[in-house]
Amino acid sequence: MQPAPMTASNAHSTPLSNEADVSHPVLVGYLFWILGFFGAHRFYFGKPLTGILWFFTGGLLLVGWIVDAFFIPAMADEANQRYPNGRIDYTVTWVLLTFLGLFGIHRFYMGKIGTGIIYLVTGGLFGIGYAYDICTLNEQVEELNRFG
């Protein structure tokens, strides 16, 4: 069977493009980097241990934060390979967690209605659940995308 000839109607359609494989865009990484002295970009790219280190040291006294500006494309590539796309978008979930996490809106988005209600009533389990989600959100989304 031969492929269909190139016509005006299918000239712009391509099978899976590289953009379809991007779960953690570089541009979003730079937006989180603006808050990087708190470790936001490191948590976003699935590096919770160094994210915690950045949080408690002010991005290693801002030096590590500045150096990270050059490493964000590599961190994005690594995260894109490690966390494949699925029905739940990583970036949407991270934005919801960042701005509305204490209200559990990210949990409602992921389909975790029960814990979403608990977060809503308790302020993200008094902040403890919010901190837990910052450290484990990529793995939670990955699991839901794999099995959900």
N, C-alpha and C. Protein backbone atom coordinates (compact mmCIF):
# COMPACT_ATOMS: atom_id res chain seq x y z
N MET A 1 0.83 -1.17 0.00
CA MET A 1 0.00 0.00 0.00
C MET A 1 0.88 1.24 0.00
N GLN A 2 0.63 2.15 -0.91
CA GLN A 2 1.43 3.36 -1.04
C GLN A 2 0.81 4.49 -0.22
N PRO A 3 1.66 5.39 0.28
CA PRO A 3 1.12 6.54 1.00
C PRO A 3 0.33 7.44 0.06
N ALA A 4 -0.59 8.20 0.62
CA ALA A 4 -1.41 9.10 -0.19
C ALA A 4 -0.52 10.19 -0.77
N PRO A 5 -0.82 10.59 -2.02
CA PRO A 5 -0.02 11.65 -2.62
C PRO A 5 -0.22 12.97 -1.87
N MET A 6 0.79 13.82 -1.94
CA MET A 6 0.74 15.10 -1.26
C MET A 6 -0.24 16.00 -1.99
N THR A 7 -1.24 16.47 -1.28
CA THR A 7 -2.22 17.40 -1.85
C THR A 7 -2.32 18.61 -0.94
N ALA A 8 -3.05 19.61 -1.42
CA ALA A 8 -3.22 20.81 -0.60
C ALA A 8 -3.93 20.50 0.70
N SER A 9 -4.81 19.51 0.69
CA SER A 9 -5.58 19.22 1.90
C SER A 9 -4.77 18.49 2.96
N ASN A 10 -3.74 17.74 2.57
CA ASN A 10 -2.96 17.03 3.58
C ASN A 10 -1.51 17.50 3.67
N ALA A 11 -1.19 18.63 3.05
CA ALA A 11 0.18 19.12 3.04
C ALA A 11 0.67 19.50 4.43
N HIS A 12 -0.24 19.97 5.26
CA HIS A 12 0.18 20.42 6.58
C HIS A 12 -0.03 19.38 7.66
N SER A 13 -0.58 18.24 7.33
CA SER A 13 -0.78 17.21 8.35
C SER A 13 0.45 16.33 8.41
N THR A 14 0.94 16.15 9.60
CA THR A 14 2.10 15.29 9.79
C THR A 14 1.76 14.29 10.87
N PRO A 15 2.34 13.11 10.81
CA PRO A 15 2.12 12.21 11.92
C PRO A 15 2.75 12.82 13.16
N LEU A 16 2.66 12.26 14.26
CA LEU A 16 3.13 12.76 15.55
C LEU A 16 4.30 13.73 15.43
N SER A 17 4.06 14.95 15.77
CA SER A 17 5.15 15.93 15.77
C SER A 17 5.83 15.91 17.13
N ASN A 18 6.99 16.53 17.17
CA ASN A 18 7.72 16.59 18.44
C ASN A 18 6.96 17.39 19.49
N GLU A 19 6.14 18.36 19.04
CA GLU A 19 5.38 19.16 19.99
C GLU A 19 4.40 18.31 20.79
N ALA A 20 3.92 17.22 20.22
CA ALA A 20 2.98 16.36 20.92
C ALA A 20 3.65 15.63 22.09
N ASP A 21 4.96 15.54 22.08
CA ASP A 21 5.68 14.82 23.12
C ASP A 21 6.14 15.73 24.26
N VAL A 22 5.82 17.01 24.20
CA VAL A 22 6.30 17.96 25.20
C VAL A 22 5.32 18.01 26.37
N SER A 23 5.76 17.53 27.51
CA SER A 23 4.92 17.58 28.71
C SER A 23 5.32 18.74 29.61
N HIS A 24 6.55 19.20 29.50
CA HIS A 24 7.07 20.29 30.32
C HIS A 24 7.77 21.30 29.39
N PRO A 25 7.03 22.26 28.84
CA PRO A 25 7.62 23.22 27.89
C PRO A 25 8.70 24.09 28.52
N VAL A 26 9.69 24.42 27.72
CA VAL A 26 10.81 25.24 28.17
C VAL A 26 10.30 26.62 28.61
N LEU A 27 9.37 27.21 27.85
CA LEU A 27 8.87 28.54 28.18
C LEU A 27 8.22 28.55 29.56
N VAL A 28 7.45 27.53 29.87
CA VAL A 28 6.82 27.44 31.19
C VAL A 28 7.90 27.28 32.26
N GLY A 29 8.94 26.51 31.94
CA GLY A 29 10.05 26.37 32.87
C GLY A 29 10.70 27.71 33.19
N TYR A 30 10.85 28.57 32.18
CA TYR A 30 11.41 29.90 32.44
C TYR A 30 10.45 30.77 33.26
N LEU A 31 9.15 30.60 33.04
CA LEU A 31 8.19 31.36 33.87
C LEU A 31 8.28 30.93 35.33
N PHE A 32 8.41 29.61 35.56
CA PHE A 32 8.61 29.13 36.92
C PHE A 32 9.99 29.54 37.45
N TRP A 33 10.96 29.69 36.56
CA TRP A 33 12.30 30.10 36.96
C TRP A 33 12.30 31.50 37.58
N ILE A 34 11.37 32.36 37.12
CA ILE A 34 11.27 33.69 37.70
C ILE A 34 11.08 33.58 39.21
N LEU A 35 10.38 32.53 39.64
CA LEU A 35 10.23 32.25 41.08
C LEU A 35 11.26 31.21 41.53
N GLY A 36 12.30 31.05 40.75
CA GLY A 36 13.26 29.98 40.96
C GLY A 36 14.05 30.03 42.23
N PHE A 37 14.22 31.21 42.80
CA PHE A 37 14.95 31.26 44.07
C PHE A 37 14.14 30.57 45.16
N PHE A 38 12.86 30.27 44.90
CA PHE A 38 12.05 29.42 45.78
C PHE A 38 12.07 27.96 45.33
N GLY A 39 12.72 27.67 44.21
CA GLY A 39 12.81 26.31 43.69
C GLY A 39 11.67 25.90 42.79
N ALA A 40 10.81 26.81 42.38
CA ALA A 40 9.62 26.48 41.61
C ALA A 40 9.93 25.71 40.33
N HIS A 41 10.92 26.16 39.57
CA HIS A 41 11.25 25.48 38.32
C HIS A 41 11.80 24.08 38.57
N ARG A 42 12.51 23.89 39.65
CA ARG A 42 13.06 22.57 39.95
C ARG A 42 11.95 21.60 40.33
N PHE A 43 10.98 22.05 41.10
CA PHE A 43 9.83 21.19 41.40
C PHE A 43 9.07 20.87 40.11
N TYR A 44 8.86 21.85 39.26
CA TYR A 44 8.13 21.66 38.00
C TYR A 44 8.81 20.60 37.13
N PHE A 45 10.12 20.60 37.08
CA PHE A 45 10.84 19.64 36.25
C PHE A 45 11.10 18.31 36.96
N GLY A 46 10.51 18.09 38.11
CA GLY A 46 10.62 16.80 38.79
C GLY A 46 11.89 16.60 39.59
N LYS A 47 12.41 17.68 40.14
CA LYS A 47 13.63 17.62 40.96
C LYS A 47 13.31 18.15 42.36
N PRO A 48 12.52 17.39 43.13
CA PRO A 48 12.07 17.93 44.43
C PRO A 48 13.19 18.11 45.46
N LEU A 49 14.21 17.28 45.45
CA LEU A 49 15.28 17.44 46.46
C LEU A 49 16.03 18.75 46.26
N THR A 50 16.41 19.03 45.01
CA THR A 50 17.09 20.31 44.79
C THR A 50 16.11 21.47 44.87
N GLY A 51 14.84 21.22 44.60
CA GLY A 51 13.83 22.27 44.80
C GLY A 51 13.75 22.67 46.26
N ILE A 52 13.78 21.69 47.15
CA ILE A 52 13.78 21.98 48.59
C ILE A 52 15.04 22.74 48.98
N LEU A 53 16.18 22.31 48.43
CA LEU A 53 17.45 23.00 48.71
C LEU A 53 17.38 24.46 48.24
N TRP A 54 16.83 24.69 47.03
CA TRP A 54 16.70 26.04 46.50
C TRP A 54 15.76 26.85 47.40
N PHE A 55 14.68 26.22 47.87
CA PHE A 55 13.70 26.91 48.71
C PHE A 55 14.34 27.43 50.00
N PHE A 56 15.12 26.57 50.64
CA PHE A 56 15.70 26.96 51.94
C PHE A 56 16.98 27.79 51.84
N THR A 57 17.59 27.86 50.65
CA THR A 57 18.83 28.63 50.52
C THR A 57 18.69 29.81 49.57
N GLY A 58 17.45 30.12 49.17
CA GLY A 58 17.26 31.23 48.23
C GLY A 58 17.95 30.98 46.91
N GLY A 59 17.77 29.76 46.38
CA GLY A 59 18.44 29.41 45.11
C GLY A 59 19.93 29.39 45.25
N LEU A 60 20.38 28.80 46.38
CA LEU A 60 21.81 28.79 46.73
C LEU A 60 22.37 30.21 46.65
N LEU A 61 21.71 31.08 47.41
CA LEU A 61 22.08 32.49 47.51
C LEU A 61 22.07 33.18 46.14
N LEU A 62 21.11 32.80 45.33
CA LEU A 62 20.84 33.34 43.99
C LEU A 62 21.85 32.90 42.93
N VAL A 63 22.99 32.37 43.31
CA VAL A 63 23.99 31.94 42.33
C VAL A 63 23.46 30.74 41.53
N GLY A 64 22.94 29.74 42.23
CA GLY A 64 22.38 28.57 41.55
C GLY A 64 21.19 28.94 40.69
N TRP A 65 20.41 29.90 41.15
CA TRP A 65 19.24 30.36 40.40
C TRP A 65 19.67 30.97 39.07
N ILE A 66 20.72 31.78 39.08
CA ILE A 66 21.22 32.40 37.85
C ILE A 66 21.80 31.33 36.92
N VAL A 67 22.57 30.42 37.48
CA VAL A 67 23.16 29.34 36.67
C VAL A 67 22.06 28.47 36.04
N ASP A 68 20.97 28.25 36.76
CA ASP A 68 19.88 27.43 36.24
C ASP A 68 19.25 28.00 34.98
N ALA A 69 19.36 29.29 34.76
CA ALA A 69 18.82 29.88 33.53
C ALA A 69 19.39 29.21 32.29
N PHE A 70 20.62 28.73 32.39
CA PHE A 70 21.26 28.06 31.26
C PHE A 70 20.91 26.58 31.19
N PHE A 71 20.44 26.00 32.30
CA PHE A 71 20.14 24.57 32.35
C PHE A 71 18.67 24.23 32.12
N ILE A 72 17.82 25.22 32.03
CA ILE A 72 16.39 24.94 31.88
C ILE A 72 16.08 24.13 30.63
N PRO A 73 16.65 24.40 29.46
CA PRO A 73 16.34 23.55 28.30
C PRO A 73 16.69 22.07 28.53
N ALA A 74 17.82 21.81 29.20
CA ALA A 74 18.20 20.43 29.48
C ALA A 74 17.26 19.80 30.50
N MET A 75 16.85 20.58 31.51
CA MET A 75 15.90 20.05 32.51
C MET A 75 14.56 19.75 31.85
N ALA A 76 14.15 20.59 30.90
CA ALA A 76 12.89 20.37 30.18
C ALA A 76 12.97 19.09 29.35
N ASP A 77 14.08 18.89 28.65
CA ASP A 77 14.25 17.67 27.85
C ASP A 77 14.18 16.43 28.73
N GLU A 78 14.85 16.48 29.86
CA GLU A 78 14.84 15.34 30.79
C GLU A 78 13.43 15.06 31.30
N ALA A 79 12.71 16.12 31.67
CA ALA A 79 11.34 15.95 32.17
C ALA A 79 10.42 15.44 31.07
N ASN A 80 10.60 15.89 29.85
CA ASN A 80 9.77 15.43 28.73
C ASN A 80 9.98 13.95 28.45
N GLN A 81 11.18 13.46 28.63
CA GLN A 81 11.46 12.04 28.45
C GLN A 81 10.93 11.22 29.61
N ARG A 82 11.01 11.75 30.80
CA ARG A 82 10.61 11.00 32.00
C ARG A 82 9.10 10.98 32.21
N TYR A 83 8.41 12.07 31.87
CA TYR A 83 6.98 12.19 32.13
C TYR A 83 6.22 12.35 30.81
N PRO A 84 5.69 11.26 30.27
CA PRO A 84 4.97 11.33 28.99
C PRO A 84 3.60 12.00 29.16
N ASN A 85 3.12 12.57 28.08
CA ASN A 85 1.81 13.21 28.07
C ASN A 85 0.70 12.18 28.26
N GLY A 86 -0.43 12.66 28.67
CA GLY A 86 -1.63 11.84 28.83
C GLY A 86 -2.84 12.73 28.91
N ARG A 87 -3.91 12.21 29.46
CA ARG A 87 -5.15 12.98 29.50
C ARG A 87 -5.07 14.15 30.48
N ILE A 88 -4.21 14.09 31.49
CA ILE A 88 -4.04 15.18 32.44
C ILE A 88 -2.77 15.94 32.07
N ASP A 89 -2.91 17.22 31.84
CA ASP A 89 -1.78 18.05 31.42
C ASP A 89 -0.95 18.47 32.63
N TYR A 90 0.35 18.24 32.54
CA TYR A 90 1.26 18.57 33.65
C TYR A 90 1.25 20.08 33.93
N THR A 91 1.35 20.88 32.89
CA THR A 91 1.46 22.32 33.08
C THR A 91 0.20 22.91 33.70
N VAL A 92 -0.96 22.49 33.23
CA VAL A 92 -2.22 22.97 33.81
C VAL A 92 -2.27 22.60 35.29
N THR A 93 -1.90 21.37 35.60
CA THR A 93 -1.93 20.91 37.00
C THR A 93 -0.97 21.73 37.85
N TRP A 94 0.22 22.02 37.34
CA TRP A 94 1.20 22.81 38.09
C TRP A 94 0.72 24.24 38.31
N VAL A 95 0.11 24.84 37.30
CA VAL A 95 -0.39 26.21 37.45
C VAL A 95 -1.51 26.24 38.49
N LEU A 96 -2.41 25.26 38.43
CA LEU A 96 -3.48 25.19 39.42
C LEU A 96 -2.92 25.00 40.83
N LEU A 97 -1.92 24.13 40.96
CA LEU A 97 -1.30 23.93 42.27
C LEU A 97 -0.64 25.20 42.77
N THR A 98 0.08 25.88 41.90
CA THR A 98 0.82 27.06 42.30
C THR A 98 -0.10 28.17 42.81
N PHE A 99 -1.20 28.41 42.10
CA PHE A 99 -2.04 29.55 42.44
C PHE A 99 -3.26 29.21 43.28
N LEU A 100 -3.74 27.96 43.20
CA LEU A 100 -4.96 27.58 43.92
C LEU A 100 -4.80 26.29 44.71
N GLY A 101 -3.57 25.90 44.96
CA GLY A 101 -3.29 24.62 45.60
C GLY A 101 -3.86 24.47 46.99
N LEU A 102 -3.89 25.53 47.77
CA LEU A 102 -4.44 25.43 49.12
C LEU A 102 -5.94 25.14 49.10
N PHE A 103 -6.58 25.43 47.97
CA PHE A 103 -8.02 25.15 47.83
C PHE A 103 -8.28 23.80 47.16
N GLY A 104 -7.22 23.10 46.75
CA GLY A 104 -7.35 21.77 46.17
C GLY A 104 -7.85 21.75 44.74
N ILE A 105 -7.80 22.87 44.05
CA ILE A 105 -8.33 22.92 42.68
C ILE A 105 -7.58 21.98 41.76
N HIS A 106 -6.29 21.83 41.95
CA HIS A 106 -5.50 20.89 41.14
C HIS A 106 -5.97 19.45 41.36
N ARG A 107 -6.42 19.13 42.57
CA ARG A 107 -6.90 17.78 42.86
C ARG A 107 -8.23 17.53 42.17
N PHE A 108 -9.10 18.53 42.13
CA PHE A 108 -10.35 18.39 41.38
C PHE A 108 -10.04 18.15 39.91
N TYR A 109 -9.07 18.91 39.35
CA TYR A 109 -8.67 18.76 37.95
C TYR A 109 -8.16 17.34 37.67
N MET A 110 -7.43 16.76 38.61
CA MET A 110 -6.90 15.41 38.43
C MET A 110 -7.95 14.33 38.66
N GLY A 111 -9.15 14.72 39.09
CA GLY A 111 -10.20 13.74 39.34
C GLY A 111 -10.20 13.20 40.75
N LYS A 112 -9.42 13.79 41.63
CA LYS A 112 -9.35 13.36 43.03
C LYS A 112 -10.31 14.22 43.84
N ILE A 113 -11.60 13.98 43.64
CA ILE A 113 -12.64 14.83 44.21
C ILE A 113 -12.63 14.78 45.74
N GLY A 114 -12.48 13.61 46.32
CA GLY A 114 -12.49 13.47 47.78
C GLY A 114 -11.41 14.29 48.45
N THR A 115 -10.17 14.14 47.98
CA THR A 115 -9.09 14.91 48.59
C THR A 115 -9.18 16.38 48.19
N GLY A 116 -9.79 16.67 47.05
CA GLY A 116 -10.02 18.06 46.67
C GLY A 116 -10.93 18.76 47.67
N ILE A 117 -11.99 18.06 48.09
CA ILE A 117 -12.90 18.63 49.09
C ILE A 117 -12.19 18.79 50.43
N ILE A 118 -11.38 17.80 50.80
CA ILE A 118 -10.62 17.91 52.06
C ILE A 118 -9.67 19.10 52.01
N TYR A 119 -8.97 19.28 50.89
CA TYR A 119 -8.06 20.42 50.75
C TYR A 119 -8.84 21.74 50.81
N LEU A 120 -10.00 21.76 50.18
CA LEU A 120 -10.83 22.97 50.16
C LEU A 120 -11.25 23.38 51.56
N VAL A 121 -11.61 22.40 52.38
CA VAL A 121 -12.10 22.68 53.73
C VAL A 121 -10.95 22.98 54.71
N THR A 122 -9.80 22.34 54.49
CA THR A 122 -8.70 22.45 55.47
C THR A 122 -7.52 23.30 55.00
N GLY A 123 -7.65 23.99 53.87
CA GLY A 123 -6.51 24.78 53.38
C GLY A 123 -5.34 23.90 52.99
N GLY A 124 -5.62 22.88 52.17
CA GLY A 124 -4.55 21.98 51.73
C GLY A 124 -3.98 21.18 52.87
N LEU A 125 -4.89 20.67 53.72
CA LEU A 125 -4.48 19.94 54.94
C LEU A 125 -3.51 20.78 55.76
N PHE A 126 -3.91 22.04 55.95
CA PHE A 126 -3.14 23.01 56.74
C PHE A 126 -1.74 23.24 56.16
N GLY A 127 -1.64 23.14 54.84
CA GLY A 127 -0.37 23.39 54.14
C GLY A 127 0.50 22.16 53.98
N ILE A 128 0.27 21.15 54.79
CA ILE A 128 1.11 19.94 54.72
C ILE A 128 0.83 19.18 53.42
N GLY A 129 -0.43 19.04 53.06
CA GLY A 129 -0.79 18.37 51.81
C GLY A 129 -0.30 19.16 50.61
N TYR A 130 -0.35 20.47 50.71
CA TYR A 130 0.14 21.34 49.65
C TYR A 130 1.64 21.11 49.42
N ALA A 131 2.40 21.06 50.51
CA ALA A 131 3.84 20.80 50.41
C ALA A 131 4.11 19.41 49.83
N TYR A 132 3.31 18.44 50.25
CA TYR A 132 3.45 17.08 49.71
C TYR A 132 3.21 17.08 48.20
N ASP A 133 2.17 17.78 47.77
CA ASP A 133 1.87 17.82 46.34
C ASP A 133 2.95 18.52 45.54
N ILE A 134 3.57 19.54 46.09
CA ILE A 134 4.66 20.22 45.39
C ILE A 134 5.80 19.23 45.11
N CYS A 135 6.05 18.35 46.05
CA CYS A 135 7.16 17.39 45.90
C CYS A 135 6.79 16.18 45.04
N THR A 136 5.51 15.86 44.90
CA THR A 136 5.12 14.61 44.22
C THR A 136 4.16 14.79 43.06
N LEU A 137 3.88 16.01 42.64
CA LEU A 137 2.84 16.24 41.64
C LEU A 137 3.13 15.55 40.31
N ASN A 138 4.36 15.62 39.83
CA ASN A 138 4.68 14.97 38.55
C ASN A 138 4.41 13.47 38.61
N GLU A 139 4.77 12.83 39.70
CA GLU A 139 4.54 11.39 39.83
C GLU A 139 3.05 11.08 39.93
N GLN A 140 2.29 11.94 40.61
CA GLN A 140 0.84 11.74 40.69
C GLN A 140 0.20 11.82 39.31
N VAL A 141 0.57 12.83 38.54
CA VAL A 141 0.02 12.98 37.19
C VAL A 141 0.46 11.83 36.30
N GLU A 142 1.72 11.44 36.40
CA GLU A 142 2.22 10.32 35.60
C GLU A 142 1.43 9.05 35.89
N GLU A 143 1.16 8.77 37.16
CA GLU A 143 0.41 7.58 37.53
C GLU A 143 -1.02 7.63 37.00
N LEU A 144 -1.65 8.79 37.12
CA LEU A 144 -3.02 8.92 36.61
C LEU A 144 -3.06 8.78 35.08
N ASN A 145 -2.07 9.32 34.41
CA ASN A 145 -2.02 9.20 32.95
C ASN A 145 -1.75 7.78 32.50
N ARG A 146 -0.97 7.05 33.28
CA ARG A 146 -0.63 5.68 32.93
C ARG A 146 -1.79 4.72 33.18
N PHE A 147 -2.46 4.89 34.31
CA PHE A 147 -3.50 3.92 34.69
C PHE A 147 -4.93 4.45 34.57
N GLY A 148 -5.07 5.76 34.39
CA GLY A 148 -6.41 6.34 34.35
C GLY A 148 -6.87 6.52 32.99
